[in-house]
PDB file of N, CA and C in Angstrom:
ATOM      1  N   MET A   1       0.845  -1.173   0.000  1.00  0.00           N
ATOM      2  CA  MET A   1       0.000   0.000   0.000  1.00  0.00           C
ATOM      3  C   MET A   1       0.892   1.239   0.000  1.00  0.00           C
ATOM      4  N   ASN A   2       0.438   2.252  -0.747  1.00  0.00           N
ATOM      5  CA  ASN A   2       1.197   3.497  -0.810  1.00  0.00           C
ATOM      6  C   ASN A   2       0.247   4.685  -0.646  1.00  0.00           C
ATOM      7  N   ILE A   3       0.800   5.879  -0.686  1.00  0.00           N
ATOM      8  CA  ILE A   3       0.004   7.073  -0.442  1.00  0.00           C
ATOM      9  C   ILE A   3      -1.083   7.246  -1.496  1.00  0.00           C
ATOM     10  N   GLU A   4      -0.825   6.856  -2.721  1.00  0.00           N
ATOM     11  CA  GLU A   4      -1.851   6.986  -3.762  1.00  0.00           C
ATOM     12  C   GLU A   4      -3.028   6.053  -3.497  1.00  0.00           C
ATOM     13  N   ASP A   5      -2.756   4.841  -2.998  1.00  0.00           N
ATOM     14  CA  ASP A   5      -3.843   3.921  -2.633  1.00  0.00           C
ATOM     15  C   ASP A   5      -4.711   4.548  -1.543  1.00  0.00           C
ATOM     16  N   ILE A   6      -4.057   5.119  -0.542  1.00  0.00           N
ATOM     17  CA  ILE A   6      -4.774   5.742   0.578  1.00  0.00           C
ATOM     18  C   ILE A   6      -5.560   6.951   0.082  1.00  0.00           C
ATOM     19  N   ARG A   7      -4.935   7.764  -0.729  1.00  0.00           N
ATOM     20  CA  ARG A   7      -5.588   8.959  -1.259  1.00  0.00           C
ATOM     21  C   ARG A   7      -6.831   8.587  -2.061  1.00  0.00           C
ATOM     22  N   GLU A   8      -6.684   7.651  -2.974  1.00  0.00           N
ATOM     23  CA  GLU A   8      -7.821   7.236  -3.803  1.00  0.00           C
ATOM     24  C   GLU A   8      -8.956   6.690  -2.941  1.00  0.00           C
ATOM     25  N   TYR A   9      -8.608   5.918  -1.923  1.00  0.00           N
ATOM     26  CA  TYR A   9      -9.635   5.344  -1.052  1.00  0.00           C
ATOM     27  C   TYR A   9     -10.370   6.447  -0.292  1.00  0.00           C
ATOM     28  N   CYS A  10      -9.632   7.370   0.286  1.00  0.00           N
ATOM     29  CA  CYS A  10     -10.259   8.456   1.054  1.00  0.00           C
ATOM     30  C   CYS A  10     -11.183   9.289   0.183  1.00  0.00           C
ATOM     31  N   LEU A  11     -10.771   9.558  -1.038  1.00  0.00           N
ATOM     32  CA  LEU A  11     -11.556  10.421  -1.911  1.00  0.00           C
ATOM     33  C   LEU A  11     -12.821   9.754  -2.445  1.00  0.00           C
ATOM     34  N   THR A  12     -12.974   8.441  -2.230  1.00  0.00           N
ATOM     35  CA  THR A  12     -14.215   7.771  -2.634  1.00  0.00           C
ATOM     36  C   THR A  12     -15.320   7.989  -1.606  1.00  0.00           C
ATOM     37  N   LYS A  13     -14.954   8.454  -0.428  1.00  0.00           N
ATOM     38  CA  LYS A  13     -15.939   8.653   0.643  1.00  0.00           C
ATOM     39  C   LYS A  13     -16.724   9.944   0.420  1.00  0.00           C
ATOM     40  N   ARG A  14     -17.920   9.971   0.961  1.00  0.00           N
ATOM     41  CA  ARG A  14     -18.809  11.124   0.788  1.00  0.00           C
ATOM     42  C   ARG A  14     -18.253  12.372   1.487  1.00  0.00           C
ATOM     43  N   ALA A  15     -18.348  13.508   0.797  1.00  0.00           N
ATOM     44  CA  ALA A  15     -18.023  14.837   1.339  1.00  0.00           C
ATOM     45  C   ALA A  15     -16.584  14.970   1.819  1.00  0.00           C
ATOM     46  N   VAL A  16     -15.667  14.235   1.181  1.00  0.00           N
ATOM     47  CA  VAL A  16     -14.251  14.285   1.581  1.00  0.00           C
ATOM     48  C   VAL A  16     -13.493  15.266   0.696  1.00  0.00           C
ATOM     49  N   SER A  17     -12.626  16.030   1.351  1.00  0.00           N
ATOM     50  CA  SER A  17     -11.712  16.920   0.644  1.00  0.00           C
ATOM     51  C   SER A  17     -10.304  16.668   1.159  1.00  0.00           C
ATOM     52  N   GLU A  18      -9.340  17.075   0.363  1.00  0.00           N
ATOM     53  CA  GLU A  18      -7.936  16.970   0.781  1.00  0.00           C
ATOM     54  C   GLU A  18      -7.322  18.354   0.712  1.00  0.00           C
ATOM     55  N   ASP A  19      -6.390  18.621   1.618  1.00  0.00           N
ATOM     56  CA  ASP A  19      -5.678  19.885   1.562  1.00  0.00           C
ATOM     57  C   ASP A  19      -4.405  19.836   2.388  1.00  0.00           C
ATOM     58  N   PHE A  20      -3.686  20.940   2.337  1.00  0.00           N
ATOM     59  CA  PHE A  20      -2.420  21.108   3.043  1.00  0.00           C
ATOM     60  C   PHE A  20      -2.551  22.326   3.960  1.00  0.00           C
ATOM     61  N   PRO A  21      -3.277  22.207   5.076  1.00  0.00           N
ATOM     62  CA  PRO A  21      -3.531  23.382   5.911  1.00  0.00           C
ATOM     63  C   PRO A  21      -2.346  23.846   6.753  1.00  0.00           C
ATOM     64  N   PHE A  22      -1.366  22.990   6.960  1.00  0.00           N
ATOM     65  CA  PHE A  22      -0.262  23.325   7.868  1.00  0.00           C
ATOM     66  C   PHE A  22       1.007  23.720   7.129  1.00  0.00           C
ATOM     67  N   ASP A  23       1.337  22.967   6.090  1.00  0.00           N
ATOM     68  CA  ASP A  23       2.535  23.215   5.294  1.00  0.00           C
ATOM     69  C   ASP A  23       2.413  22.414   4.005  1.00  0.00           C
ATOM     70  N   GLU A  24       3.442  22.437   3.186  1.00  0.00           N
ATOM     71  CA  GLU A  24       3.375  21.775   1.882  1.00  0.00           C
ATOM     72  C   GLU A  24       3.595  20.261   1.951  1.00  0.00           C
ATOM     73  N   GLU A  25       3.939  19.736   3.118  1.00  0.00           N
ATOM     74  CA  GLU A  25       4.206  18.299   3.248  1.00  0.00           C
ATOM     75  C   GLU A  25       3.133  17.549   4.028  1.00  0.00           C
ATOM     76  N   THR A  26       2.292  18.248   4.771  1.00  0.00           N
ATOM     77  CA  THR A  26       1.307  17.594   5.629  1.00  0.00           C
ATOM     78  C   THR A  26      -0.049  17.577   4.936  1.00  0.00           C
ATOM     79  N   LEU A  27      -0.404  16.405   4.433  1.00  0.00           N
ATOM     80  CA  LEU A  27      -1.649  16.208   3.702  1.00  0.00           C
ATOM     81  C   LEU A  27      -2.740  15.774   4.672  1.00  0.00           C
ATOM     82  N   THR A  28      -3.899  16.420   4.587  1.00  0.00           N
ATOM     83  CA  THR A  28      -5.031  16.027   5.428  1.00  0.00           C
ATOM     84  C   THR A  28      -6.216  15.650   4.549  1.00  0.00           C
ATOM     85  N   PHE A  29      -7.021  14.740   5.073  1.00  0.00           N
ATOM     86  CA  PHE A  29      -8.295  14.397   4.463  1.00  0.00           C
ATOM     87  C   PHE A  29      -9.363  14.746   5.481  1.00  0.00           C
ATOM     88  N   LYS A  30     -10.389  15.469   5.005  1.00  0.00           N
ATOM     89  CA  LYS A  30     -11.428  15.967   5.889  1.00  0.00           C
ATOM     90  C   LYS A  30     -12.798  15.548   5.359  1.00  0.00           C
ATOM     91  N   VAL A  31     -13.709  15.328   6.292  1.00  0.00           N
ATOM     92  CA  VAL A  31     -15.106  15.146   5.942  1.00  0.00           C
ATOM     93  C   VAL A  31     -15.849  16.373   6.465  1.00  0.00           C
ATOM     94  N   LEU A  32     -16.450  17.111   5.543  1.00  0.00           N
ATOM     95  CA  LEU A  32     -17.150  18.356   5.882  1.00  0.00           C
ATOM     96  C   LEU A  32     -16.313  19.264   6.786  1.00  0.00           C
ATOM     97  N   GLY A  33     -15.024  19.361   6.449  1.00  0.00           N
ATOM     98  CA  GLY A  33     -14.134  20.282   7.141  1.00  0.00           C
ATOM     99  C   GLY A  33     -13.444  19.756   8.381  1.00  0.00           C
ATOM    100  N   LYS A  34     -13.723  18.518   8.784  1.00  0.00           N
ATOM    101  CA  LYS A  34     -13.097  17.935   9.982  1.00  0.00           C
ATOM    102  C   LYS A  34     -12.131  16.827   9.568  1.00  0.00           C
ATOM    103  N   ILE A  35     -10.917  16.879  10.103  1.00  0.00           N
ATOM    104  CA  ILE A  35      -9.860  15.935   9.731  1.00  0.00           C
ATOM    105  C   ILE A  35     -10.164  14.527  10.251  1.00  0.00           C
ATOM    106  N   PHE A  36      -9.976  13.536   9.372  1.00  0.00           N
ATOM    107  CA  PHE A  36     -10.039  12.140   9.801  1.00  0.00           C
ATOM    108  C   PHE A  36      -8.759  11.374   9.460  1.00  0.00           C
ATOM    109  N   LEU A  37      -7.871  11.957   8.643  1.00  0.00           N
ATOM    110  CA  LEU A  37      -6.593  11.324   8.324  1.00  0.00           C
ATOM    111  C   LEU A  37      -5.572  12.413   8.027  1.00  0.00           C
ATOM    112  N   ILE A  38      -4.378  12.229   8.600  1.00  0.00           N
ATOM    113  CA  ILE A  38      -3.252  13.137   8.358  1.00  0.00           C
ATOM    114  C   ILE A  38      -2.041  12.289   8.011  1.00  0.00           C
ATOM    115  N   THR A  39      -1.256  12.764   7.059  1.00  0.00           N
ATOM    116  CA  THR A  39      -0.003  12.082   6.734  1.00  0.00           C
ATOM    117  C   THR A  39       1.035  13.100   6.275  1.00  0.00           C
ATOM    118  N   SER A  40       2.281  12.747   6.446  1.00  0.00           N
ATOM    119  CA  SER A  40       3.378  13.595   5.992  1.00  0.00           C
ATOM    120  C   SER A  40       3.936  13.022   4.705  1.00  0.00           C
ATOM    121  N   LEU A  41       4.051  13.854   3.702  1.00  0.00           N
ATOM    122  CA  LEU A  41       4.570  13.396   2.414  1.00  0.00           C
ATOM    123  C   LEU A  41       6.089  13.411   2.342  1.00  0.00           C
ATOM    124  N   ASP A  42       6.749  13.980   3.358  1.00  0.00           N
ATOM    125  CA  ASP A  42       8.207  14.042   3.312  1.00  0.00           C
ATOM    126  C   ASP A  42       8.880  13.004   4.204  1.00  0.00           C
ATOM    127  N   SER A  43       8.112  12.113   4.803  1.00  0.00           N
ATOM    128  CA  SER A  43       8.693  11.065   5.651  1.00  0.00           C
ATOM    129  C   SER A  43       9.283   9.950   4.784  1.00  0.00           C
ATOM    130  N   ILE A  44      10.328   9.353   5.278  1.00  0.00           N
ATOM    131  CA  ILE A  44      10.953   8.237   4.556  1.00  0.00           C
ATOM    132  C   ILE A  44      10.000   7.049   4.501  1.00  0.00           C
ATOM    133  N   GLU A  45       9.384   6.736   5.636  1.00  0.00           N
ATOM    134  CA  GLU A  45       8.406   5.651   5.684  1.00  0.00           C
ATOM    135  C   GLU A  45       7.020   6.242   5.845  1.00  0.00           C
ATOM    136  N   LEU A  46       6.064   5.702   5.113  1.00  0.00           N
ATOM    137  CA  LEU A  46       4.696   6.193   5.153  1.00  0.00           C
ATOM    138  C   LEU A  46       4.015   5.818   6.465  1.00  0.00           C
ATOM    139  N   SER A  47       3.382   6.788   7.084  1.00  0.00           N
ATOM    140  CA  SER A  47       2.542   6.542   8.246  1.00  0.00           C
ATOM    141  C   SER A  47       1.353   7.488   8.155  1.00  0.00           C
ATOM    142  N   ILE A  48       0.254   7.091   8.804  1.00  0.00           N
ATOM    143  CA  ILE A  48      -0.948   7.903   8.792  1.00  0.00           C
ATOM    144  C   ILE A  48      -1.474   8.052  10.209  1.00  0.00           C
ATOM    145  N   ASN A  49      -2.032   9.211  10.506  1.00  0.00           N
ATOM    146  CA  ASN A  49      -2.703   9.446  11.785  1.00  0.00           C
ATOM    147  C   ASN A  49      -4.197   9.297  11.554  1.00  0.00           C
ATOM    148  N   LEU A  50      -4.826   8.483  12.406  1.00  0.00           N
ATOM    149  CA  LEU A  50      -6.252   8.207  12.293  1.00  0.00           C
ATOM    150  C   LEU A  50      -6.930   8.361  13.639  1.00  0.00           C
ATOM    151  N   LYS A  51      -8.124   8.910  13.630  1.00  0.00           N
ATOM    152  CA  LYS A  51      -8.928   8.971  14.843  1.00  0.00           C
ATOM    153  C   LYS A  51      -9.366   7.548  15.193  1.00  0.00           C
ATOM    154  N   CYS A  52      -9.491   7.268  16.502  1.00  0.00           N
ATOM    155  CA  CYS A  52      -9.816   5.911  16.920  1.00  0.00           C
ATOM    156  C   CYS A  52     -10.527   5.932  18.272  1.00  0.00           C
ATOM    157  N   ASP A  53     -11.494   5.051  18.432  1.00  0.00           N
ATOM    158  CA  ASP A  53     -12.131   4.867  19.733  1.00  0.00           C
ATOM    159  C   ASP A  53     -11.049   4.540  20.756  1.00  0.00           C
ATOM    160  N   PRO A  54     -11.052   5.166  21.937  1.00  0.00           N
ATOM    161  CA  PRO A  54      -9.972   4.967  22.912  1.00  0.00           C
ATOM    162  C   PRO A  54      -9.717   3.502  23.292  1.00  0.00           C
ATOM    163  N   ASP A  55     -10.771   2.712  23.496  1.00  0.00           N
ATOM    164  CA  ASP A  55     -10.568   1.305  23.855  1.00  0.00           C
ATOM    165  C   ASP A  55      -9.968   0.512  22.698  1.00  0.00           C
ATOM    166  N   LYS A  56     -10.454   0.780  21.501  1.00  0.00           N
ATOM    167  CA  LYS A  56      -9.917   0.111  20.316  1.00  0.00           C
ATOM    168  C   LYS A  56      -8.465   0.532  20.081  1.00  0.00           C
ATOM    169  N   ALA A  57      -8.162   1.807  20.359  1.00  0.00           N
ATOM    170  CA  ALA A  57      -6.795   2.312  20.176  1.00  0.00           C
ATOM    171  C   ALA A  57      -5.812   1.543  21.055  1.00  0.00           C
ATOM    172  N   ILE A  58      -6.194   1.322  22.294  1.00  0.00           N
ATOM    173  CA  ILE A  58      -5.331   0.570  23.218  1.00  0.00           C
ATOM    174  C   ILE A  58      -5.113  -0.850  22.708  1.00  0.00           C
ATOM    175  N   ASP A  59      -6.184  -1.497  22.299  1.00  0.00           N
ATOM    176  CA  ASP A  59      -6.089  -2.865  21.789  1.00  0.00           C
ATOM    177  C   ASP A  59      -5.175  -2.940  20.566  1.00  0.00           C
ATOM    178  N   LEU A  60      -5.340  -2.017  19.649  1.00  0.00           N
ATOM    179  CA  LEU A  60      -4.491  -2.003  18.447  1.00  0.00           C
ATOM    180  C   LEU A  60      -3.026  -1.806  18.805  1.00  0.00           C
ATOM    181  N   ARG A  61      -2.747  -0.894  19.716  1.00  0.00           N
ATOM    182  CA  ARG A  61      -1.361  -0.623  20.116  1.00  0.00           C
ATOM    183  C   ARG A  61      -0.727  -1.821  20.811  1.00  0.00           C
ATOM    184  N   GLU A  62      -1.518  -2.536  21.606  1.00  0.00           N
ATOM    185  CA  GLU A  62      -0.992  -3.703  22.321  1.00  0.00           C
ATOM    186  C   GLU A  62      -0.724  -4.875  21.388  1.00  0.00           C
ATOM    187  N   ASN A  63      -1.456  -4.949  20.279  1.00  0.00           N
ATOM    188  CA  ASN A  63      -1.355  -6.107  19.400  1.00  0.00           C
ATOM    189  C   ASN A  63      -0.580  -5.878  18.108  1.00  0.00           C
ATOM    190  N   HIS A  64      -0.224  -4.624  17.830  1.00  0.00           N
ATOM    191  CA  HIS A  64       0.488  -4.321  16.577  1.00  0.00           C
ATOM    192  C   HIS A  64       1.574  -3.291  16.844  1.00  0.00           C
ATOM    193  N   ALA A  65       2.805  -3.667  16.618  1.00  0.00           N
ATOM    194  CA  ALA A  65       3.934  -2.757  16.852  1.00  0.00           C
ATOM    195  C   ALA A  65       3.883  -1.527  15.945  1.00  0.00           C
ATOM    196  N   CYS A  66       3.209  -1.640  14.823  1.00  0.00           N
ATOM    197  CA  CYS A  66       3.155  -0.520  13.879  1.00  0.00           C
ATOM    198  C   CYS A  66       2.089   0.511  14.238  1.00  0.00           C
ATOM    199  N   VAL A  67       1.337   0.270  15.317  1.00  0.00           N
ATOM    200  CA  VAL A  67       0.312   1.216  15.764  1.00  0.00           C
ATOM    201  C   VAL A  67       0.781   1.847  17.065  1.00  0.00           C
ATOM    202  N   LYS A  68       0.881   3.177  17.048  1.00  0.00           N
ATOM    203  CA  LYS A  68       1.397   3.917  18.206  1.00  0.00           C
ATOM    204  C   LYS A  68       0.442   5.062  18.531  1.00  0.00           C
ATOM    205  N   PRO A  69       0.596   5.645  19.719  1.00  0.00           N
ATOM    206  CA  PRO A  69      -0.208   6.832  20.020  1.00  0.00           C
ATOM    207  C   PRO A  69       0.026   7.913  18.966  1.00  0.00           C
ATOM    208  N   GLY A  70      -1.007   8.650  18.643  1.00  0.00           N
ATOM    209  CA  GLY A  70      -0.949   9.647  17.573  1.00  0.00           C
ATOM    210  C   GLY A  70       0.146  10.674  17.746  1.00  0.00           C
ATOM    211  N   TYR A  71       1.014  10.770  16.766  1.00  0.00           N
ATOM    212  CA  TYR A  71       2.118  11.724  16.764  1.00  0.00           C
ATOM    213  C   TYR A  71       1.550  13.129  16.608  1.00  0.00           C
ATOM    214  N   HIS A  72       1.860  14.020  17.535  1.00  0.00           N
ATOM    215  CA  HIS A  72       1.373  15.410  17.553  1.00  0.00           C
ATOM    216  C   HIS A  72      -0.151  15.502  17.637  1.00  0.00           C
ATOM    217  N   MET A  73      -0.783  14.476  18.192  1.00  0.00           N
ATOM    218  CA  MET A  73      -2.248  14.455  18.283  1.00  0.00           C
ATOM    219  C   MET A  73      -2.647  14.072  19.704  1.00  0.00           C
ATOM    220  N   ASN A  74      -3.926  14.158  20.012  1.00  0.00           N
ATOM    221  CA  ASN A  74      -4.446  13.679  21.294  1.00  0.00           C
ATOM    222  C   ASN A  74      -4.250  12.169  21.322  1.00  0.00           C
ATOM    223  N   LYS A  75      -3.384  11.708  22.184  1.00  0.00           N
ATOM    224  CA  LYS A  75      -2.977  10.301  22.182  1.00  0.00           C
ATOM    225  C   LYS A  75      -4.085   9.351  22.629  1.00  0.00           C
ATOM    226  N   LYS A  76      -5.105   9.880  23.264  1.00  0.00           N
ATOM    227  CA  LYS A  76      -6.242   9.045  23.662  1.00  0.00           C
ATOM    228  C   LYS A  76      -7.125   8.714  22.459  1.00  0.00           C
ATOM    229  N   HIS A  77      -7.235   9.658  21.532  1.00  0.00           N
ATOM    230  CA  HIS A  77      -8.184   9.525  20.430  1.00  0.00           C
ATOM    231  C   HIS A  77      -7.561   9.341  19.049  1.00  0.00           C
ATOM    232  N   TRP A  78      -6.243   9.363  18.949  1.00  0.00           N
ATOM    233  CA  TRP A  78      -5.586   9.245  17.647  1.00  0.00           C
ATOM    234  C   TRP A  78      -4.457   8.220  17.703  1.00  0.00           C
ATOM    235  N   ASN A  79      -4.310   7.474  16.622  1.00  0.00           N
ATOM    236  CA  ASN A  79      -3.206   6.531  16.446  1.00  0.00           C
ATOM    237  C   ASN A  79      -2.375   6.940  15.241  1.00  0.00           C
ATOM    238  N   THR A  80      -1.090   6.672  15.318  1.00  0.00           N
ATOM    239  CA  THR A  80      -0.229   6.727  14.149  1.00  0.00           C
ATOM    240  C   THR A  80      -0.008   5.288  13.709  1.00  0.00           C
ATOM    241  N   VAL A  81      -0.298   5.025  12.442  1.00  0.00           N
ATOM    242  CA  VAL A  81      -0.171   3.681  11.882  1.00  0.00           C
ATOM    243  C   VAL A  81       0.931   3.710  10.839  1.00  0.00           C
ATOM    244  N   ASP A  82       1.998   2.943  11.088  1.00  0.00           N
ATOM    245  CA  ASP A  82       3.075   2.811  10.107  1.00  0.00           C
ATOM    246  C   ASP A  82       2.613   1.848   9.015  1.00  0.00           C
ATOM    247  N   ILE A  83       2.722   2.290   7.779  1.00  0.00           N
ATOM    248  CA  ILE A  83       2.323   1.461   6.643  1.00  0.00           C
ATOM    249  C   ILE A  83       3.581   0.705   6.190  1.00  0.00           C
ATOM    250  N   ASN A  84       3.839  -0.397   6.878  1.00  0.00           N
ATOM    251  CA  ASN A  84       5.085  -1.131   6.651  1.00  0.00           C
ATOM    252  C   ASN A  84       4.871  -2.600   6.298  1.00  0.00           C
ATOM    253  N   GLY A  85       3.640  -2.988   6.034  1.00  0.00           N
ATOM    254  CA  GLY A  85       3.355  -4.369   5.666  1.00  0.00           C
ATOM    255  C   GLY A  85       2.878  -5.231   6.816  1.00  0.00           C
ATOM    256  N   GLU A  86       2.965  -4.737   8.061  1.00  0.00           N
ATOM    257  CA  GLU A  86       2.507  -5.540   9.199  1.00  0.00           C
ATOM    258  C   GLU A  86       0.989  -5.732   9.161  1.00  0.00           C
ATOM    259  N   LEU A  87       0.263  -4.660   8.852  1.00  0.00           N
ATOM    260  CA  LEU A  87      -1.195  -4.742   8.781  1.00  0.00           C
ATOM    261  C   LEU A  87      -1.623  -5.004   7.339  1.00  0.00           C
ATOM    262  N   SER A  88      -2.666  -5.771   7.178  1.00  0.00           N
ATOM    263  CA  SER A  88      -3.199  -6.020   5.839  1.00  0.00           C
ATOM    264  C   SER A  88      -3.826  -4.739   5.294  1.00  0.00           C
ATOM    265  N   ASP A  89      -3.900  -4.649   3.976  1.00  0.00           N
ATOM    266  CA  ASP A  89      -4.559  -3.503   3.361  1.00  0.00           C
ATOM    267  C   ASP A  89      -6.003  -3.423   3.848  1.00  0.00           C
ATOM    268  N   ARG A  90      -6.634  -4.561   3.976  1.00  0.00           N
ATOM    269  CA  ARG A  90      -8.031  -4.607   4.430  1.00  0.00           C
ATOM    270  C   ARG A  90      -8.188  -3.957   5.803  1.00  0.00           C
ATOM    271  N   LEU A  91      -7.273  -4.286   6.735  1.00  0.00           N
ATOM    272  CA  LEU A  91      -7.348  -3.707   8.074  1.00  0.00           C
ATOM    273  C   LEU A  91      -7.071  -2.206   8.035  1.00  0.00           C
ATOM    274  N   ILE A  92      -6.147  -1.787   7.219  1.00  0.00           N
ATOM    275  CA  ILE A  92      -5.867  -0.346   7.103  1.00  0.00           C
ATOM    276  C   ILE A  92      -7.101   0.387   6.584  1.00  0.00           C
ATOM    277  N   TYR A  93      -7.753  -0.167   5.590  1.00  0.00           N
ATOM    278  CA  TYR A  93      -8.980   0.449   5.078  1.00  0.00           C
ATOM    279  C   TYR A  93     -10.070   0.467   6.152  1.00  0.00           C
ATOM    280  N   GLU A  94     -10.154  -0.582   6.954  1.00  0.00           N
ATOM    281  CA  GLU A  94     -11.124  -0.614   8.056  1.00  0.00           C
ATOM    282  C   GLU A  94     -10.823   0.485   9.081  1.00  0.00           C
ATOM    283  N   LEU A  95      -9.547   0.714   9.367  1.00  0.00           N
ATOM    284  CA  LEU A  95      -9.165   1.770  10.312  1.00  0.00           C
ATOM    285  C   LEU A  95      -9.468   3.159   9.745  1.00  0.00           C
ATOM    286  N   ILE A  96      -9.288   3.330   8.446  1.00  0.00           N
ATOM    287  CA  ILE A  96      -9.656   4.591   7.798  1.00  0.00           C
ATOM    288  C   ILE A  96     -11.168   4.789   7.900  1.00  0.00           C
ATOM    289  N   ASP A  97     -11.936   3.726   7.634  1.00  0.00           N
ATOM    290  CA  ASP A  97     -13.400   3.802   7.752  1.00  0.00           C
ATOM    291  C   ASP A  97     -13.809   4.169   9.175  1.00  0.00           C
ATOM    292  N   HIS A  98     -13.161   3.550  10.147  1.00  0.00           N
ATOM    293  CA  HIS A  98     -13.469   3.803  11.558  1.00  0.00           C
ATOM    294  C   HIS A  98     -13.216   5.274  11.898  1.00  0.00           C
ATOM    295  N   SER A  99     -12.098   5.813  11.439  1.00  0.00           N
ATOM    296  CA  SER A  99     -11.768   7.214  11.689  1.00  0.00           C
ATOM    297  C   SER A  99     -12.813   8.126  11.043  1.00  0.00           C
ATOM    298  N   TYR A 100     -13.123   7.868   9.808  1.00  0.00           N
ATOM    299  CA  TYR A 100     -14.134   8.652   9.084  1.00  0.00           C
ATOM    300  C   TYR A 100     -15.468   8.612   9.831  1.00  0.00           C
ATOM    301  N   ASP A 101     -15.895   7.410  10.222  1.00  0.00           N
ATOM    302  CA  ASP A 101     -17.182   7.249  10.911  1.00  0.00           C
ATOM    303  C   ASP A 101     -17.210   7.995  12.248  1.00  0.00           C
ATOM    304  N   LEU A 102     -16.099   7.956  12.996  1.00  0.00           N
ATOM    305  CA  LEU A 102     -16.037   8.679  14.266  1.00  0.00           C
ATOM    306  C   LEU A 102     -16.167  10.182  14.059  1.00  0.00           C
ATOM    307  N   VAL A 103     -15.505  10.691  13.044  1.00  0.00           N
ATOM    308  CA  VAL A 103     -15.577  12.122  12.776  1.00  0.00           C
ATOM    309  C   VAL A 103     -16.991  12.505  12.350  1.00  0.00           C
ATOM    310  N   VAL A 104     -17.612  11.707  11.491  1.00  0.00           N
ATOM    311  CA  VAL A 104     -18.988  11.984  11.071  1.00  0.00           C
ATOM    312  C   VAL A 104     -19.915  11.966  12.286  1.00  0.00           C
ATOM    313  N   LYS A 105     -19.728  10.991  13.150  1.00  0.00           N
ATOM    314  CA  LYS A 105     -20.565  10.869  14.351  1.00  0.00           C
ATOM    315  C   LYS A 105     -20.442  12.104  15.252  1.00  0.00           C
ATOM    316  N   GLY A 106     -19.286  12.742  15.248  1.00  0.00           N
ATOM    317  CA  GLY A 106     -19.051  13.918  16.076  1.00  0.00           C
ATOM    318  C   GLY A 106     -19.515  15.228  15.457  1.00  0.00           C
ATOM    319  N   LEU A 107     -19.935  15.185  14.203  1.00  0.00           N
ATOM    320  CA  LEU A 107     -20.414  16.386  13.536  1.00  0.00           C
ATOM    321  C   LEU A 107     -21.793  16.781  14.066  1.00  0.00           C
ATOM    322  N   PRO A 108     -22.139  18.049  14.002  1.00  0.00           N
ATOM    323  CA  PRO A 108     -23.493  18.450  14.365  1.00  0.00           C
ATOM    324  C   PRO A 108     -24.514  17.724  13.486  1.00  0.00           C
ATOM    325  N   LYS A 109     -25.690  17.501  14.017  1.00  0.00           N
ATOM    326  CA  LYS A 109     -26.745  16.769  13.292  1.00  0.00           C
ATOM    327  C   LYS A 109     -27.036  17.415  11.934  1.00  0.00           C
ATOM    328  N   SER A 110     -26.987  18.740  11.877  1.00  0.00           N
ATOM    329  CA  SER A 110     -27.254  19.420  10.606  1.00  0.00           C
ATOM    330  C   SER A 110     -26.220  19.051   9.543  1.00  0.00           C
ATOM    331  N   LYS A 111     -24.963  18.926   9.967  1.00  0.00           N
ATOM    332  CA  LYS A 111     -23.902  18.526   9.030  1.00  0.00           C
ATOM    333  C   LYS A 111     -24.048  17.059   8.633  1.00  0.00           C
ATOM    334  N   GLN A 112     -24.405  16.214   9.620  1.00  0.00           N
ATOM    335  CA  GLN A 112     -24.611  14.798   9.321  1.00  0.00           C
ATOM    336  C   GLN A 112     -25.717  14.627   8.285  1.00  0.00           C
ATOM    337  N   ALA A 113     -26.725  15.467   8.358  1.00  0.00           N
ATOM    338  CA  ALA A 113     -27.839  15.385   7.422  1.00  0.00           C
ATOM    339  C   ALA A 113     -27.387  15.701   5.990  1.00  0.00           C
ATOM    340  N   GLU A 114     -26.318  16.479   5.845  1.00  0.00           N
ATOM    341  CA  GLU A 114     -25.779  16.788   4.516  1.00  0.00           C
ATOM    342  C   GLU A 114     -25.246  15.544   3.820  1.00  0.00           C
ATOM    343  N   LEU A 115     -24.822  14.559   4.619  1.00  0.00           N
ATOM    344  CA  LEU A 115     -24.272  13.346   4.032  1.00  0.00           C
ATOM    345  C   LEU A 115     -25.387  12.445   3.537  1.00  0.00           C
TER     346      LEU A 115
END
């Protein structure tokens, strides 16, 4: 899996946009203006930050060395996932879906209705 696979997958979701709000290397994917995935394009190894349910985040970190507390994020609610082959593509896509769903769930009802 590479950044283009992740990008294409994220952009298939409803109301998703991509941008570089912080600098020219930090790519974000947002649903209705709220971030659900962040990645750095200048890193040697690809990793992504994803929102995650706190209990699920702990379980993932305990069972997968490539899943760590979110780098520069709220460590209770975000994970950094190294895309190094340890996790299957299917599981990575499931984690992206989970992050997207959590962000949508946190949106105001009026915004959720837009979806």
